[in-house]
Amino acid sequence: MKEFAKQILKSKGLDAPEILNEGIWLVEGVAMYGLALEGGGAKGAYHMGVIKAFLECGYKFGGITGTSIGALNAALIAQGDFEIGYKLWENLDPTQLFECR
């Protein structure tokens, strides 16, 4: 897999990355982090809080993926809509999720 990724980068005119650690690559002198978000409904709210903390600490992610609710959050982040996703979770009312009788 690492060799395949290196070939893709080279085909785009980029230097092959140096693997610093599993999941952390150094591409053209910049550390790239990948982020994988699991599924699990309410965990989606926790995802956004943790990612907010990472972003406030200056982390940048070169790739993001997820399963179930993690995929929804990953898609929002990948398209540059982190703040929209964060506010969605921050303002979510339980009655929007459950039929309360």
Protein backbone atom coordinates (compact mmCIF):
# COMPACT_ATOMS: atom_id res chain seq x y z
CA MET A 1 0.00 0.00 0.00
CA LYS A 2 2.82 2.39 0.85
CA GLU A 3 4.46 1.80 -2.53
CA PHE A 4 1.14 2.39 -4.32
CA ALA A 5 0.67 5.70 -2.49
CA LYS A 6 4.22 6.74 -3.39
CA GLN A 7 3.56 5.95 -7.07
CA ILE A 8 0.41 8.08 -7.08
CA LEU A 9 2.23 11.03 -5.50
CA LYS A 10 5.10 10.73 -7.98
CA SER A 11 2.64 10.61 -10.91
CA LYS A 12 1.29 13.97 -9.71
CA GLY A 13 4.79 15.46 -9.55
CA LEU A 14 5.09 15.24 -5.76
CA ASP A 15 8.00 13.77 -3.86
CA ALA A 16 7.42 10.37 -2.30
CA PRO A 17 6.52 10.75 1.37
CA GLU A 18 8.74 9.71 4.23
CA ILE A 19 6.83 7.52 6.65
CA LEU A 20 7.37 8.99 10.12
CA ASN A 21 5.02 6.67 11.97
CA GLU A 22 2.01 4.55 11.10
CA GLY A 23 -0.58 7.06 9.88
CA ILE A 24 1.82 10.03 9.84
CA TRP A 25 3.55 10.86 6.56
CA LEU A 26 5.98 13.63 5.79
CA VAL A 27 5.15 15.04 2.34
CA GLU A 28 7.36 17.82 1.04
CA GLY A 29 8.47 18.62 4.59
CA VAL A 30 4.96 18.81 6.07
CA ALA A 31 3.58 16.16 8.43
CA MET A 32 0.26 14.79 7.20
CA TYR A 33 -2.14 13.11 9.56
CA GLY A 34 -5.02 10.84 8.61
CA LEU A 35 -8.21 10.63 10.62
CA ALA A 36 -10.64 7.68 10.80
CA LEU A 37 -13.99 8.17 12.54
CA GLU A 38 -16.06 5.21 13.75
CA GLY A 39 -19.80 4.81 13.66
CA GLY A 40 -22.07 4.81 16.65
CA GLY A 41 -24.74 7.51 16.58
CA ALA A 42 -24.02 9.90 19.44
CA LYS A 43 -20.27 9.38 19.02
CA GLY A 44 -20.63 11.85 16.17
CA ALA A 45 -20.93 14.67 18.68
CA TYR A 46 -17.75 13.52 20.40
CA HIS A 47 -15.95 13.35 17.05
CA MET A 48 -16.59 17.02 16.42
CA GLY A 49 -15.46 18.10 19.89
CA VAL A 50 -12.21 16.16 19.63
CA ILE A 51 -11.54 17.41 16.09
CA LYS A 52 -12.18 20.98 17.26
CA ALA A 53 -9.51 20.49 19.94
CA PHE A 54 -7.08 19.08 17.35
CA LEU A 55 -7.70 22.03 15.01
CA GLU A 56 -7.23 24.53 17.84
CA CYS A 57 -3.85 22.88 18.55
CA GLY A 58 -2.82 23.41 14.92
CA TYR A 59 -3.24 19.87 13.56
CA LYS A 60 -4.12 19.54 9.88
CA PHE A 61 -5.44 16.38 8.31
CA GLY A 62 -4.36 15.19 4.88
CA GLY A 63 -7.13 12.61 4.72
CA ILE A 64 -10.29 11.71 6.59
CA THR A 65 -12.68 8.77 6.42
CA GLY A 66 -15.45 7.28 8.49
CA THR A 67 -18.18 4.70 8.92
CA SER A 68 -21.84 5.50 9.51
CA ILE A 69 -22.05 8.73 11.55
CA GLY A 70 -18.27 9.01 11.22
CA ALA A 71 -18.69 9.10 7.43
CA LEU A 72 -21.19 11.95 7.71
CA ASN A 73 -18.82 13.97 9.90
CA ALA A 74 -15.87 13.08 7.66
CA ALA A 75 -17.76 14.31 4.59
CA LEU A 76 -18.59 17.62 6.28
CA ILE A 77 -14.96 18.11 7.29
CA ALA A 78 -13.56 17.02 3.90
CA GLN A 79 -15.68 19.60 2.07
CA GLY A 80 -14.58 22.36 4.43
CA ASP A 81 -17.77 22.58 6.50
CA PHE A 82 -16.42 21.70 9.95
CA GLU A 83 -18.12 24.70 11.58
CA ILE A 84 -21.49 23.77 10.08
CA GLY A 85 -21.12 20.20 11.38
CA TYR A 86 -20.01 21.41 14.78
CA LYS A 87 -23.00 23.74 15.10
CA LEU A 88 -25.34 20.98 13.92
CA TRP A 89 -24.24 18.78 16.83
CA GLU A 90 -24.11 21.68 19.27
CA ASN A 91 -27.71 22.70 18.54
CA LEU A 92 -29.24 19.25 18.06
CA ASP A 93 -32.39 18.69 20.10
CA PRO A 94 -33.33 15.10 21.08
CA THR A 95 -36.81 15.62 19.61
CA GLN A 96 -35.15 15.98 16.20
CA LEU A 97 -33.92 12.40 16.53
CA PHE A 98 -36.65 10.64 18.47
CA GLU A 99 -40.41 10.69 18.34
CA CYS A 100 -41.40 11.69 21.88
CA ARG A 101 -44.99 10.93 22.87
